[in-house]
Amino acid sequence: MYFCRVKKIISIFFLTIYLFSTTQAVELLKLPVIFQHYHEHKMLDKDMTFLAFLDMHYMHGSPHDADYDRDMQLPFKTCAHPIIAIASYVAPVPISIAVPKVFYVEKKQHLIYNTIGYSFNYHSSVWQPPRAC
């Protein structure tokens, strides 16, 4: 039971790291900035609603006004592609497997009885009676 829970936590951890490094999910970490910036605008204009704030910052481009640098800190205002996602494709190197050719050399071992000058009759003549020439 304990290991299933640990596996689940580790899986969620690695999934989160993967999503934040390869997608624009890292922009979600900037959500507190949007509420702080809305509060700054609310102090200047008491009648501004949150939807009017979103309309001003996201629907009409990025006008160069007094707080342009602060506007660019808002989520999804700048394009920041993760380097890992851009450089992750590497062309595969073709793999060639070379099977070495094996040559079998048949080595003939010459037996003694097949050589010239050797005869089976010589040994068998020992058991024969003597002959008169």
N, C-alpha and C. Protein backbone atom coordinates (compact mmCIF):
# COMPACT_ATOMS: atom_id res chain seq x y z
N MET A 1 0.82 -1.19 0.00
CA MET A 1 0.00 0.00 0.00
C MET A 1 0.87 1.26 0.00
N TYR A 2 1.92 1.21 0.82
CA TYR A 2 2.82 2.35 0.92
C TYR A 2 3.53 2.61 -0.40
N PHE A 3 3.99 1.52 -1.06
CA PHE A 3 4.73 1.68 -2.31
C PHE A 3 3.85 2.21 -3.43
N CYS A 4 2.59 1.82 -3.44
CA CYS A 4 1.66 2.35 -4.47
C CYS A 4 1.50 3.85 -4.31
N ARG A 5 1.45 4.29 -3.07
CA ARG A 5 1.28 5.72 -2.81
C ARG A 5 2.55 6.48 -3.21
N VAL A 6 3.70 5.91 -2.89
CA VAL A 6 4.97 6.55 -3.26
C VAL A 6 5.13 6.58 -4.78
N LYS A 7 4.76 5.49 -5.45
CA LYS A 7 4.84 5.47 -6.91
C LYS A 7 3.95 6.54 -7.52
N LYS A 8 2.78 6.73 -6.94
CA LYS A 8 1.85 7.74 -7.46
C LYS A 8 2.43 9.14 -7.27
N ILE A 9 3.01 9.40 -6.11
CA ILE A 9 3.59 10.72 -5.85
C ILE A 9 4.78 10.97 -6.77
N ILE A 10 5.63 9.97 -6.95
CA ILE A 10 6.78 10.12 -7.85
C ILE A 10 6.32 10.32 -9.29
N SER A 11 5.28 9.61 -9.70
CA SER A 11 4.75 9.77 -11.07
C SER A 11 4.21 11.18 -11.29
N ILE A 12 3.48 11.68 -10.32
CA ILE A 12 2.94 13.04 -10.43
C ILE A 12 4.08 14.06 -10.46
N PHE A 13 5.10 13.84 -9.66
CA PHE A 13 6.26 14.73 -9.63
C PHE A 13 6.94 14.79 -10.99
N PHE A 14 7.23 13.63 -11.57
CA PHE A 14 7.91 13.61 -12.87
C PHE A 14 7.02 14.14 -13.98
N LEU A 15 5.72 13.88 -13.93
CA LEU A 15 4.81 14.44 -14.92
C LEU A 15 4.78 15.96 -14.84
N THR A 16 4.78 16.48 -13.63
CA THR A 16 4.80 17.94 -13.45
C THR A 16 6.08 18.54 -13.99
N ILE A 17 7.21 17.92 -13.69
CA ILE A 17 8.49 18.42 -14.22
C ILE A 17 8.48 18.39 -15.74
N TYR A 18 7.97 17.30 -16.31
CA TYR A 18 7.93 17.19 -17.77
C TYR A 18 7.04 18.27 -18.38
N LEU A 19 5.85 18.46 -17.82
CA LEU A 19 4.92 19.45 -18.38
C LEU A 19 5.46 20.88 -18.26
N PHE A 20 6.10 21.18 -17.14
CA PHE A 20 6.63 22.53 -16.98
C PHE A 20 7.86 22.77 -17.85
N SER A 21 8.57 21.73 -18.23
CA SER A 21 9.77 21.94 -19.04
C SER A 21 9.49 21.89 -20.53
N THR A 22 8.42 21.24 -20.96
CA THR A 22 8.19 21.09 -22.40
C THR A 22 6.97 21.84 -22.91
N THR A 23 6.14 22.37 -22.06
CA THR A 23 4.95 23.09 -22.50
C THR A 23 4.94 24.48 -21.89
N GLN A 24 3.89 25.21 -22.16
CA GLN A 24 3.75 26.55 -21.60
C GLN A 24 3.07 26.53 -20.24
N ALA A 25 3.04 25.38 -19.59
CA ALA A 25 2.43 25.28 -18.26
C ALA A 25 3.18 26.11 -17.23
N VAL A 26 4.43 26.45 -17.52
CA VAL A 26 5.20 27.29 -16.60
C VAL A 26 4.56 28.67 -16.46
N GLU A 27 3.78 29.07 -17.44
CA GLU A 27 3.08 30.36 -17.37
C GLU A 27 2.05 30.38 -16.24
N LEU A 28 1.58 29.23 -15.83
CA LEU A 28 0.61 29.17 -14.73
C LEU A 28 1.25 29.62 -13.42
N LEU A 29 2.56 29.54 -13.33
CA LEU A 29 3.24 30.03 -12.13
C LEU A 29 3.18 31.55 -12.01
N LYS A 30 2.83 32.21 -13.11
CA LYS A 30 2.74 33.67 -13.11
C LYS A 30 1.34 34.16 -12.75
N LEU A 31 0.44 33.28 -12.39
CA LEU A 31 -0.93 33.71 -12.06
C LEU A 31 -1.00 34.72 -10.91
N PRO A 32 -0.19 34.62 -9.87
CA PRO A 32 -0.26 35.67 -8.84
C PRO A 32 0.06 37.06 -9.37
N VAL A 33 0.89 37.14 -10.41
CA VAL A 33 1.25 38.44 -10.98
C VAL A 33 0.02 39.11 -11.59
N ILE A 34 -0.85 38.32 -12.19
CA ILE A 34 -2.04 38.92 -12.82
C ILE A 34 -2.96 39.55 -11.78
N PHE A 35 -3.06 38.92 -10.61
CA PHE A 35 -3.91 39.49 -9.56
C PHE A 35 -3.25 40.70 -8.91
N GLN A 36 -1.93 40.70 -8.78
CA GLN A 36 -1.23 41.87 -8.25
C GLN A 36 -1.36 43.05 -9.21
N HIS A 37 -1.21 42.79 -10.49
CA HIS A 37 -1.31 43.86 -11.48
C HIS A 37 -2.75 44.38 -11.57
N TYR A 38 -3.71 43.49 -11.43
CA TYR A 38 -5.11 43.94 -11.39
C TYR A 38 -5.34 44.84 -10.19
N HIS A 39 -4.76 44.49 -9.06
CA HIS A 39 -4.91 45.32 -7.86
C HIS A 39 -4.28 46.70 -8.08
N GLU A 40 -3.14 46.76 -8.79
CA GLU A 40 -2.51 48.05 -9.10
C GLU A 40 -3.43 48.90 -9.97
N HIS A 41 -4.06 48.28 -10.98
CA HIS A 41 -5.00 49.02 -11.84
C HIS A 41 -6.26 49.41 -11.08
N LYS A 42 -6.68 48.58 -10.17
CA LYS A 42 -7.89 48.86 -9.38
C LYS A 42 -7.66 50.08 -8.48
N MET A 43 -6.42 50.24 -8.00
CA MET A 43 -6.12 51.41 -7.17
C MET A 43 -6.17 52.70 -7.99
N LEU A 44 -5.82 52.61 -9.29
CA LEU A 44 -5.87 53.79 -10.15
C LEU A 44 -7.28 54.08 -10.65
N ASP A 45 -8.06 53.03 -10.93
CA ASP A 45 -9.43 53.19 -11.43
C ASP A 45 -10.34 52.27 -10.62
N LYS A 46 -11.13 52.84 -9.73
CA LYS A 46 -11.97 52.06 -8.82
C LYS A 46 -13.08 51.31 -9.55
N ASP A 47 -13.50 51.76 -10.72
CA ASP A 47 -14.61 51.13 -11.43
C ASP A 47 -14.18 49.98 -12.34
N MET A 48 -12.89 49.68 -12.42
CA MET A 48 -12.40 48.63 -13.32
C MET A 48 -12.76 47.25 -12.77
N THR A 49 -13.37 46.45 -13.64
CA THR A 49 -13.66 45.06 -13.28
C THR A 49 -12.52 44.16 -13.75
N PHE A 50 -12.54 42.93 -13.26
CA PHE A 50 -11.48 42.00 -13.66
C PHE A 50 -11.58 41.66 -15.14
N LEU A 51 -12.80 41.55 -15.66
CA LEU A 51 -12.97 41.28 -17.09
C LEU A 51 -12.49 42.45 -17.94
N ALA A 52 -12.73 43.68 -17.48
CA ALA A 52 -12.23 44.85 -18.21
C ALA A 52 -10.70 44.87 -18.19
N PHE A 53 -10.12 44.46 -17.06
CA PHE A 53 -8.65 44.38 -16.96
C PHE A 53 -8.11 43.35 -17.95
N LEU A 54 -8.74 42.17 -18.02
CA LEU A 54 -8.30 41.14 -18.97
C LEU A 54 -8.47 41.61 -20.41
N ASP A 55 -9.58 42.31 -20.67
CA ASP A 55 -9.82 42.84 -22.02
C ASP A 55 -8.75 43.85 -22.40
N MET A 56 -8.36 44.70 -21.47
CA MET A 56 -7.37 45.73 -21.77
C MET A 56 -5.99 45.11 -22.03
N HIS A 57 -5.64 44.05 -21.32
CA HIS A 57 -4.29 43.51 -21.43
C HIS A 57 -4.16 42.38 -22.45
N TYR A 58 -5.24 41.69 -22.75
CA TYR A 58 -5.11 40.52 -23.63
C TYR A 58 -5.84 40.66 -24.96
N MET A 59 -6.82 41.52 -25.07
CA MET A 59 -7.61 41.60 -26.29
C MET A 59 -7.15 42.71 -27.24
N HIS A 60 -6.36 43.63 -26.77
CA HIS A 60 -5.97 44.77 -27.60
C HIS A 60 -4.46 44.84 -27.81
N GLY A 61 -3.82 43.71 -27.93
CA GLY A 61 -2.38 43.71 -28.18
C GLY A 61 -1.60 44.13 -26.96
N SER A 62 -0.43 44.68 -27.23
CA SER A 62 0.44 45.15 -26.14
C SER A 62 0.87 46.58 -26.43
N PRO A 63 0.00 47.55 -26.13
CA PRO A 63 0.38 48.95 -26.40
C PRO A 63 1.51 49.38 -25.44
N HIS A 64 2.41 50.21 -25.97
CA HIS A 64 3.52 50.71 -25.15
C HIS A 64 3.01 51.86 -24.29
N ASP A 65 2.60 51.53 -23.09
CA ASP A 65 2.13 52.54 -22.16
C ASP A 65 3.11 52.64 -20.99
N ALA A 66 2.72 53.33 -19.94
CA ALA A 66 3.63 53.58 -18.82
C ALA A 66 4.05 52.30 -18.11
N ASP A 67 3.17 51.32 -18.05
CA ASP A 67 3.50 50.07 -17.33
C ASP A 67 3.70 48.89 -18.30
N TYR A 68 4.33 49.17 -19.44
CA TYR A 68 4.55 48.13 -20.45
C TYR A 68 5.40 46.99 -19.92
N ASP A 69 6.47 47.31 -19.19
CA ASP A 69 7.34 46.25 -18.65
C ASP A 69 6.57 45.36 -17.68
N ARG A 70 5.72 45.97 -16.87
CA ARG A 70 4.91 45.19 -15.92
C ARG A 70 3.88 44.35 -16.68
N ASP A 71 3.34 44.87 -17.77
CA ASP A 71 2.38 44.11 -18.58
C ASP A 71 3.02 42.86 -19.18
N MET A 72 4.28 42.96 -19.55
CA MET A 72 4.96 41.82 -20.17
C MET A 72 5.29 40.71 -19.17
N GLN A 73 5.13 40.98 -17.87
CA GLN A 73 5.34 39.96 -16.85
C GLN A 73 4.09 39.10 -16.64
N LEU A 74 2.99 39.50 -17.24
CA LEU A 74 1.75 38.74 -17.09
C LEU A 74 1.85 37.40 -17.81
N PRO A 75 1.07 36.42 -17.36
CA PRO A 75 1.13 35.11 -18.02
C PRO A 75 0.64 35.18 -19.46
N PHE A 76 1.27 34.41 -20.31
CA PHE A 76 0.92 34.25 -21.73
C PHE A 76 1.05 35.55 -22.52
N LYS A 77 1.92 36.46 -22.08
CA LYS A 77 2.16 37.69 -22.83
C LYS A 77 3.42 37.58 -23.70
N THR A 78 4.37 36.79 -23.27
CA THR A 78 5.60 36.62 -24.04
C THR A 78 5.70 35.17 -24.46
N CYS A 79 6.41 34.97 -25.54
CA CYS A 79 6.60 33.62 -26.06
C CYS A 79 7.96 33.13 -25.59
N ALA A 80 7.95 32.20 -24.69
CA ALA A 80 9.21 31.64 -24.18
C ALA A 80 9.18 30.14 -24.42
N HIS A 81 9.70 29.75 -25.56
CA HIS A 81 9.74 28.33 -25.88
C HIS A 81 10.83 27.66 -25.05
N PRO A 82 10.52 26.55 -24.47
CA PRO A 82 11.57 25.85 -23.73
C PRO A 82 12.63 25.30 -24.68
N ILE A 83 13.86 25.43 -24.28
CA ILE A 83 14.97 24.99 -25.12
C ILE A 83 14.93 23.48 -25.31
N ILE A 84 14.49 22.78 -24.30
CA ILE A 84 14.45 21.32 -24.38
C ILE A 84 13.51 20.87 -25.50
N ALA A 85 12.38 21.52 -25.63
CA ALA A 85 11.42 21.12 -26.66
C ALA A 85 11.95 21.42 -28.05
N ILE A 86 12.73 22.47 -28.20
CA ILE A 86 13.25 22.83 -29.51
C ILE A 86 14.41 21.91 -29.89
N ALA A 87 15.27 21.62 -28.96
CA ALA A 87 16.48 20.85 -29.25
C ALA A 87 16.34 19.36 -28.96
N SER A 88 15.13 18.91 -28.75
CA SER A 88 14.97 17.51 -28.36
C SER A 88 15.00 16.56 -29.56
N TYR A 89 14.79 17.07 -30.76
CA TYR A 89 14.80 16.18 -31.92
C TYR A 89 16.21 16.06 -32.46
N VAL A 90 16.68 14.87 -32.50
CA VAL A 90 18.00 14.58 -33.06
C VAL A 90 17.78 13.51 -34.13
N ALA A 91 18.30 13.77 -35.30
CA ALA A 91 18.12 12.80 -36.39
C ALA A 91 18.78 11.48 -36.01
N PRO A 92 18.06 10.40 -36.20
CA PRO A 92 18.64 9.11 -35.82
C PRO A 92 19.78 8.72 -36.74
N VAL A 93 20.77 8.15 -36.14
CA VAL A 93 21.93 7.67 -36.89
C VAL A 93 21.62 6.26 -37.35
N PRO A 94 21.78 5.99 -38.65
CA PRO A 94 21.48 4.63 -39.11
C PRO A 94 22.45 3.62 -38.49
N ILE A 95 21.88 2.56 -38.04
CA ILE A 95 22.67 1.51 -37.41
C ILE A 95 22.83 0.38 -38.41
N SER A 96 24.05 0.00 -38.64
CA SER A 96 24.29 -1.13 -39.53
C SER A 96 24.98 -2.22 -38.73
N ILE A 97 24.46 -3.39 -38.90
CA ILE A 97 25.01 -4.55 -38.21
C ILE A 97 25.73 -5.39 -39.25
N ALA A 98 27.01 -5.53 -39.08
CA ALA A 98 27.81 -6.31 -40.02
C ALA A 98 28.07 -7.68 -39.41
N VAL A 99 27.57 -8.68 -40.07
CA VAL A 99 27.80 -10.05 -39.61
C VAL A 99 29.07 -10.54 -40.29
N PRO A 100 30.07 -10.89 -39.50
CA PRO A 100 31.31 -11.34 -40.12
C PRO A 100 31.12 -12.68 -40.81
N LYS A 101 31.75 -12.80 -41.96
CA LYS A 101 31.66 -14.05 -42.71
C LYS A 101 32.62 -15.05 -42.09
N VAL A 102 32.10 -16.20 -41.80
CA VAL A 102 32.91 -17.24 -41.16
C VAL A 102 33.24 -18.28 -42.22
N PHE A 103 34.51 -18.52 -42.38
CA PHE A 103 34.96 -19.55 -43.32
C PHE A 103 35.41 -20.76 -42.52
N TYR A 104 34.85 -21.88 -42.90
CA TYR A 104 35.24 -23.13 -42.25
C TYR A 104 36.26 -23.83 -43.13
N VAL A 105 37.38 -24.12 -42.56
CA VAL A 105 38.43 -24.83 -43.28
C VAL A 105 38.45 -26.24 -42.73
N GLU A 106 38.25 -27.18 -43.62
CA GLU A 106 38.25 -28.57 -43.19
C GLU A 106 39.68 -29.07 -43.20
N LYS A 107 40.11 -29.44 -42.04
CA LYS A 107 41.48 -29.91 -41.92
C LYS A 107 41.44 -31.44 -41.91
N LYS A 108 42.08 -32.00 -42.88
CA LYS A 108 42.10 -33.46 -42.96
C LYS A 108 43.30 -33.99 -42.20
N GLN A 109 43.01 -34.93 -41.34
CA GLN A 109 44.10 -35.55 -40.60
C GLN A 109 44.37 -36.89 -41.27
N HIS A 110 45.54 -37.03 -41.78
CA HIS A 110 45.89 -38.27 -42.46
C HIS A 110 46.21 -39.33 -41.43
N LEU A 111 45.57 -40.43 -41.58
CA LEU A 111 45.82 -41.53 -40.67
C LEU A 111 47.06 -42.29 -41.11
N ILE A 112 47.66 -42.93 -40.17
CA ILE A 112 48.92 -43.61 -40.45
C ILE A 112 48.75 -44.74 -41.44
N TYR A 113 47.67 -45.47 -41.36
CA TYR A 113 47.50 -46.64 -42.23
C TYR A 113 47.22 -46.26 -43.67
N ASN A 114 46.94 -45.02 -43.96
CA ASN A 114 46.72 -44.60 -45.34
C ASN A 114 47.99 -44.09 -46.00
N THR A 115 49.04 -43.99 -45.25
CA THR A 115 50.28 -43.48 -45.84
C THR A 115 50.97 -44.56 -46.65
N ILE A 116 51.83 -44.11 -47.54
CA ILE A 116 52.55 -45.04 -48.41
C ILE A 116 53.58 -45.82 -47.57
N GLY A 117 53.70 -47.09 -47.83
CA GLY A 117 54.68 -47.91 -47.14
C GLY A 117 54.13 -48.61 -45.92
N TYR A 118 52.90 -48.41 -45.64
CA TYR A 118 52.32 -49.08 -44.48
C TYR A 118 51.29 -50.05 -44.99
N SER A 119 51.34 -51.24 -44.47
CA SER A 119 50.41 -52.25 -44.93
C SER A 119 49.90 -53.04 -43.73
N PHE A 120 48.60 -53.34 -43.80
CA PHE A 120 48.03 -54.18 -42.73
C PHE A 120 48.56 -55.61 -42.84
N ASN A 121 48.95 -55.99 -44.02
CA ASN A 121 49.42 -57.36 -44.22
C ASN A 121 50.70 -57.64 -43.45
N TYR A 122 51.49 -56.63 -43.21
CA TYR A 122 52.74 -56.83 -42.50
C TYR A 122 52.47 -57.32 -41.08
N HIS A 123 51.53 -56.69 -40.40
CA HIS A 123 51.23 -57.10 -39.03
C HIS A 123 50.48 -58.42 -38.98
N SER A 124 49.67 -58.66 -39.93
CA SER A 124 48.94 -59.93 -39.92
C SER A 124 49.84 -61.11 -40.25
N SER A 125 50.96 -60.85 -40.89
CA SER A 125 51.86 -61.95 -41.24
C SER A 125 52.59 -62.52 -40.03
N VAL A 126 52.57 -61.86 -38.94
CA VAL A 126 53.21 -62.36 -37.73
C VAL A 126 52.52 -63.63 -37.27
N TRP A 127 51.23 -63.71 -37.46
CA TRP A 127 50.46 -64.85 -36.97
C TRP A 127 50.37 -65.97 -38.00
N GLN A 128 51.04 -65.81 -39.12
CA GLN A 128 51.06 -66.85 -40.15
C GLN A 128 52.26 -67.78 -39.94
N PRO A 129 52.12 -69.02 -40.35
CA PRO A 129 53.27 -69.92 -40.22
C PRO A 129 54.40 -69.50 -41.17
N PRO A 130 55.62 -69.84 -40.84
CA PRO A 130 56.74 -69.45 -41.68
C PRO A 130 56.64 -70.05 -43.08
N ARG A 131 57.15 -69.36 -44.03
CA ARG A 131 57.10 -69.79 -45.43
C ARG A 131 58.51 -70.10 -45.91
N ALA A 132 58.53 -70.99 -46.76
CA ALA A 132 59.83 -71.31 -47.37
C ALA A 132 59.93 -70.58 -48.67
N CYS A 133 61.01 -69.97 -48.86
CA CYS A 133 61.16 -69.21 -50.08
C CYS A 133 61.89 -69.97 -51.12
